Protein backbone atom coordinates (compact mmCIF):
# COMPACT_ATOMS: atom_id res chain seq x y z
CA MET A 1 102.87 116.27 59.56
CA ASN A 2 103.94 116.01 55.91
CA GLN A 3 101.65 116.84 53.02
CA GLN A 4 100.88 113.22 52.24
CA GLN A 5 99.88 112.50 55.81
CA SER A 6 97.78 115.67 55.89
CA THR A 7 95.91 114.64 52.74
CA GLU A 8 95.33 111.15 54.15
CA SER A 9 94.01 112.50 57.43
CA ILE A 10 91.71 115.05 55.77
CA GLU A 11 90.28 112.58 53.26
CA THR A 12 89.81 109.89 55.88
CA LEU A 13 87.97 112.23 58.22
CA GLU A 14 85.79 113.60 55.40
CA ARG A 15 84.80 110.11 54.31
CA ALA A 16 84.21 109.05 57.95
CA LEU A 17 81.92 112.00 58.58
CA ASP A 18 79.89 111.02 55.52
CA CYS A 19 79.63 107.51 56.97
CA LEU A 20 78.54 108.92 60.31
CA ALA A 21 75.78 110.91 58.60
CA THR A 22 74.52 108.10 56.39
CA GLY A 23 75.17 105.00 58.47
CA VAL A 24 76.80 103.39 55.41
CA SER A 25 80.32 102.02 55.70
CA GLN A 26 82.56 103.22 52.84
CA PRO A 27 86.21 102.61 53.71
CA LEU A 28 88.80 104.26 51.47
CA THR A 29 90.50 101.67 49.25
CA GLY A 30 92.44 101.43 46.02
CA PRO A 31 95.74 102.79 44.62
CA ALA A 32 95.37 106.22 46.22
CA THR A 33 95.68 104.54 49.67
CA LEU A 34 98.94 102.72 48.85
CA ASN A 35 100.96 104.50 51.57
CA TRP A 36 98.08 105.16 53.94
CA SER A 37 97.55 103.66 57.39
CA GLU A 38 94.65 101.42 58.44
CA ARG A 39 92.80 104.54 59.59
CA CYS A 40 91.43 104.89 56.06
CA VAL A 41 89.44 101.66 56.48
CA GLU A 42 88.72 101.35 60.19
CA VAL A 43 87.62 104.94 60.92
CA PRO A 44 84.92 105.12 58.18
CA TRP A 45 83.75 101.63 59.18
CA ALA A 46 83.42 102.56 62.85
CA ALA A 47 81.86 105.94 62.07
CA SER A 48 79.05 104.29 60.12
CA LEU A 49 78.03 102.42 63.29
CA LEU A 50 77.79 105.52 65.50
CA THR A 51 74.68 107.03 63.92
CA ASP A 52 72.57 105.90 66.90
CA ALA A 53 75.35 105.18 69.38
CA GLY A 54 73.45 106.49 72.40
CA ARG A 55 75.72 106.50 75.46
CA LEU A 56 79.23 105.76 74.22
CA LEU A 57 82.44 104.76 76.04
CA ASP A 58 85.58 105.19 73.97
CA VAL A 59 88.57 103.09 75.05
CA GLY A 60 91.85 104.89 74.32
CA TRP A 61 90.24 108.32 74.13
CA SER A 62 93.22 110.43 75.18
CA MET A 63 95.48 109.06 72.48
CA SER A 64 92.90 109.05 69.66
CA PRO A 65 94.35 109.80 66.21
CA PRO A 66 92.96 113.01 64.72
CA GLU A 67 90.64 111.23 62.30
CA TRP A 68 88.96 109.17 65.05
CA LEU A 69 88.92 112.14 67.41
CA GLY A 70 87.08 114.15 64.79
CA VAL A 71 84.48 111.43 64.35
CA LEU A 72 83.87 111.06 68.10
CA LEU A 73 83.43 114.79 68.58
CA ALA A 74 81.12 114.98 65.58
CA ALA A 75 79.06 112.14 67.00
CA ARG A 76 78.87 114.03 70.32
CA SER A 77 77.64 117.15 68.50
CA ARG A 78 74.87 114.95 67.06
CA GLY A 79 73.71 113.97 70.54
CA VAL A 80 75.87 110.98 71.45
CA ASP A 81 76.66 110.94 75.19
CA LEU A 82 80.43 110.45 74.99
CA VAL A 83 82.72 109.34 77.82
CA GLY A 84 86.41 108.49 77.42
CA ILE A 85 88.61 106.05 79.27
CA ASP A 86 92.40 105.91 79.00
CA ILE A 87 95.47 105.24 81.14
CA ILE A 88 96.80 108.61 79.98
CA ASN A 89 95.35 111.83 81.42
CA PRO A 90 94.51 114.04 78.43
CA GLU A 91 96.08 117.01 80.23
CA ARG A 92 99.49 115.31 79.77
CA VAL A 93 99.06 115.26 75.97
CA ARG A 94 97.14 118.51 75.44
CA ASN A 95 99.55 119.57 72.66
CA ARG A 96 98.64 116.59 70.49
CA TYR A 97 95.08 117.79 69.90
CA PRO A 98 94.25 120.00 66.91
CA ALA A 99 93.98 123.61 68.12
CA ASN A 100 90.42 123.96 66.80
CA LEU A 101 89.27 120.92 68.82
CA VAL A 102 90.99 121.47 72.16
CA ASP A 103 88.02 123.04 73.87
CA GLN A 104 85.70 120.26 72.67
CA VAL A 105 88.15 117.59 73.81
CA PHE A 106 88.22 118.88 77.36
CA GLU A 107 84.45 119.05 77.55
CA VAL A 108 84.33 115.26 77.34
CA PRO A 109 84.32 113.44 80.72
CA VAL A 110 87.28 111.08 81.02
CA ARG A 111 88.04 108.17 83.31
CA VAL A 112 91.83 107.92 83.75
CA GLU A 113 92.34 104.25 84.58
CA SER A 114 92.84 100.83 83.03
CA VAL A 115 89.71 99.56 81.26
CA LEU A 116 90.62 96.07 82.43
CA GLU A 117 90.05 97.05 86.07
CA ALA A 118 87.39 99.72 85.70
CA GLN A 119 83.92 99.28 87.21
CA PRO A 120 80.69 100.98 86.16
CA ASP A 121 79.77 103.89 88.37
CA GLY A 122 76.38 104.74 86.94
CA GLU A 123 74.30 104.22 83.81
CA LEU A 124 75.52 101.49 81.46
CA PHE A 125 76.61 102.21 77.88
CA ASP A 126 74.87 101.50 74.58
CA THR A 127 78.17 101.41 72.66
CA ILE A 128 81.84 100.82 73.42
CA THR A 129 84.48 101.67 70.84
CA CYS A 130 88.02 100.32 70.90
CA ILE A 131 89.67 101.42 67.66
CA SER A 132 93.34 100.51 67.18
CA THR A 133 93.75 100.30 70.96
CA LEU A 134 93.31 96.71 72.15
CA GLU A 135 96.66 95.70 70.65
CA HIS A 136 98.39 98.11 73.05
CA ILE A 137 96.65 96.93 76.21
CA GLY A 138 99.01 94.75 78.20
CA PHE A 139 102.14 96.40 76.71
CA ASP A 140 101.65 100.12 77.36
CA PHE A 141 101.61 101.78 80.76
CA ALA A 142 101.61 105.45 81.73
CA SER A 143 104.97 106.94 82.62
CA GLU A 144 105.45 108.53 86.02
CA PRO A 145 103.93 112.01 86.56
CA GLY A 146 106.46 114.67 85.63
CA VAL A 147 108.18 112.59 82.95
CA GLU A 148 108.15 114.74 79.84
CA ASP A 149 109.84 112.51 77.23
CA SER A 150 106.78 110.30 76.72
CA ALA A 151 103.37 109.79 78.34
CA PHE A 152 104.09 106.06 78.05
CA ALA A 153 106.77 104.12 79.92
CA ARG A 154 108.40 102.87 76.74
CA ALA A 155 111.90 101.51 76.01
CA THR A 156 114.76 103.46 74.48
CA THR A 157 116.12 100.39 72.65
CA ALA A 158 114.45 97.57 70.75
CA GLY A 159 116.08 94.93 72.93
CA SER A 160 114.72 96.37 76.15
CA ALA A 161 111.09 96.60 75.05
CA VAL A 162 108.85 94.23 77.00
CA SER A 163 107.49 91.54 74.67
CA ASP A 164 105.32 89.54 77.09
CA ARG A 165 101.58 90.08 77.16
CA ASP A 166 99.37 88.28 79.64
CA SER A 167 97.35 85.67 77.73
CA ALA A 168 94.31 86.70 79.80
CA THR A 169 94.32 90.27 78.43
CA ASP A 170 91.66 89.82 75.75
CA GLY A 171 89.40 87.92 78.16
CA LEU A 172 89.73 90.65 80.75
CA PHE A 173 88.92 93.24 78.14
CA LEU A 174 85.74 91.38 77.17
CA ASP A 175 84.90 91.02 80.88
CA SER A 176 85.05 94.79 81.15
CA ALA A 177 82.99 95.35 78.03
CA ALA A 178 80.32 93.03 79.43
CA ARG A 179 80.30 94.99 82.70
CA PHE A 180 79.88 98.37 81.00
CA LEU A 181 77.43 97.51 78.21
CA ARG A 182 73.69 97.21 78.56
CA PRO A 183 72.19 94.00 77.11
CA GLY A 184 71.94 94.49 73.35
CA GLY A 185 74.72 97.08 73.41
CA SER A 186 77.51 97.03 70.80
CA LEU A 187 81.26 96.68 71.12
CA LEU A 188 83.16 98.01 68.10
CA VAL A 189 86.72 96.78 67.93
CA SER A 190 89.49 96.99 65.32
CA VAL A 191 92.95 95.45 65.56
CA PRO A 192 96.02 94.90 63.40
CA ALA A 193 95.87 91.44 61.86
CA GLY A 194 98.54 89.28 60.27
CA LYS A 195 101.04 86.59 61.24
CA GLY A 196 100.31 87.20 64.90
CA GLY A 197 102.04 87.63 68.23
CA PRO A 198 103.98 90.55 69.77
CA ILE A 199 105.16 92.92 67.06
CA LEU A 200 107.97 95.40 67.70
CA HIS A 201 106.96 98.99 67.06
CA GLN A 202 108.93 102.23 67.17
CA ASP A 203 106.72 105.21 67.97
CA SER A 204 106.86 108.74 66.60
CA LEU A 205 109.15 109.82 69.44
CA GLY A 206 111.66 107.07 68.71
CA PHE A 207 110.75 104.86 71.69
CA PHE A 208 110.13 101.12 71.35
CA THR A 209 107.22 98.98 72.42
CA HIS A 210 105.38 95.89 71.30
CA GLN A 211 101.82 95.63 70.15
CA PHE A 212 99.77 92.51 69.65
CA GLU A 213 99.04 91.40 66.09
CA TYR A 214 96.03 89.08 65.72
CA ASP A 215 96.42 85.95 63.69
CA PRO A 216 93.27 83.98 62.71
CA THR A 217 93.36 81.92 65.90
CA ALA A 218 93.65 84.92 68.24
CA TRP A 219 90.99 86.84 66.33
CA LYS A 220 88.56 83.90 66.42
CA ALA A 221 89.07 83.59 70.17
CA LEU A 222 88.37 87.34 70.60
CA ILE A 223 85.08 87.32 68.67
CA SER A 224 83.84 83.90 69.85
CA ASP A 225 83.12 84.87 73.47
CA GLN A 226 79.75 83.32 74.28
CA ARG A 227 78.48 86.50 75.92
CA PHE A 228 78.54 88.27 72.59
CA SER A 229 77.19 87.65 69.10
CA VAL A 230 79.00 88.85 65.96
CA LYS A 231 76.72 91.27 64.12
CA SER A 232 79.29 92.06 61.45
CA ALA A 233 83.00 91.66 60.68
CA SER A 234 85.23 93.18 58.00
CA TYR A 235 88.80 92.52 56.91
CA PHE A 236 91.22 94.63 54.91
CA ARG A 237 94.79 94.27 53.75
CA LEU A 238 97.35 96.62 52.24
CA ASP A 239 98.45 95.33 48.87
CA SER A 240 101.95 96.47 47.91
CA GLN A 241 100.74 97.51 44.47
CA GLY A 242 97.05 98.32 44.74
CA GLY A 243 96.59 99.94 48.15
CA TRP A 244 94.04 98.85 50.74
CA GLU A 245 91.52 96.23 49.68
CA GLU A 246 88.78 94.30 51.39
CA VAL A 247 89.16 90.52 51.80
CA GLY A 248 86.79 87.84 52.94
CA SER A 249 88.36 86.54 56.14
CA CYS A 250 91.07 86.95 58.71
CA GLU A 251 92.84 83.97 57.14
CA ALA A 252 93.48 86.17 54.10
CA LEU A 253 95.62 88.40 56.30
CA ALA A 254 97.82 85.69 57.79
CA ASP A 255 100.84 86.51 55.63
CA GLN A 256 100.90 90.19 56.72
CA THR A 257 103.06 91.73 59.44
CA SER A 258 103.39 95.21 60.88
CA ALA A 259 106.74 94.56 62.60
CA LEU A 260 108.76 97.81 62.64
CA LYS A 261 106.40 99.39 60.19
CA PRO A 262 104.67 102.74 60.83
CA PHE A 263 101.23 101.19 60.56
CA ALA A 264 99.47 97.88 60.16
CA THR A 265 99.17 96.14 56.80
CA GLY A 266 96.17 94.04 57.83
CA CYS A 267 93.13 95.12 59.80
CA ALA A 268 90.28 93.12 61.33
CA MET A 269 87.11 94.79 62.63
CA ALA A 270 83.96 93.52 64.29
CA GLN A 271 80.73 94.69 65.84
CA LEU A 272 79.94 92.46 68.79
CA VAL A 273 76.57 92.64 70.54
CA LEU A 274 76.14 91.74 74.20
CA LYS A 275 73.48 89.07 74.56
């Protein structure tokens, strides 16, 4: 981790923890965030909605970035009943967790399975979080046990990366959220937004995959499911001169693209409530 990334991560987590404590969303924006990832806006936003999260299911738990991991563990220390679900067993990626958090990470119960197929096995949840994860569902799959190069079965060349995503993926995700949430429970979701479609991405290990970028049509379809109501939605874009800034709609992100970039340049976030 270079110094710039370290500063970004520290400041994002500090701001997010303030948001968790106050319940007020205060994403980091402006010139100082010019080279920062979408974590600086989505993590504080999501943290502000976890003040009274109750029983919480986090989708993508095992691969949580450090800022989001810190928020989830802080919420747990405040009394949130946290459960993780991920296709990756956290034991496979133990080395990615900050040393001071490892013990806390492995105290959290984890379901190692696809959220699309999972079924409730007990009490329903008050909150589901899916932060920068939905775009990977349908593209990423766990590699075979014993494979050490990557926990994901990703491609070694751009041309061999699978670019097809089942059009039913988002619907199946919402089906699962509806199964796991109690009536009145909240689904917090954030996704990269822009021109839309499968976007080629090269990960930190040099492997290739695609992720789904949400254009205004795909985003509207996601948040318009009749089983849910939209309690709030926020949109941010990375301006090439001024850093991250809030905009009024997903349409204002339609010229953005995160193709072969280290992070998204547009981000859409919503709190959906199960009717």
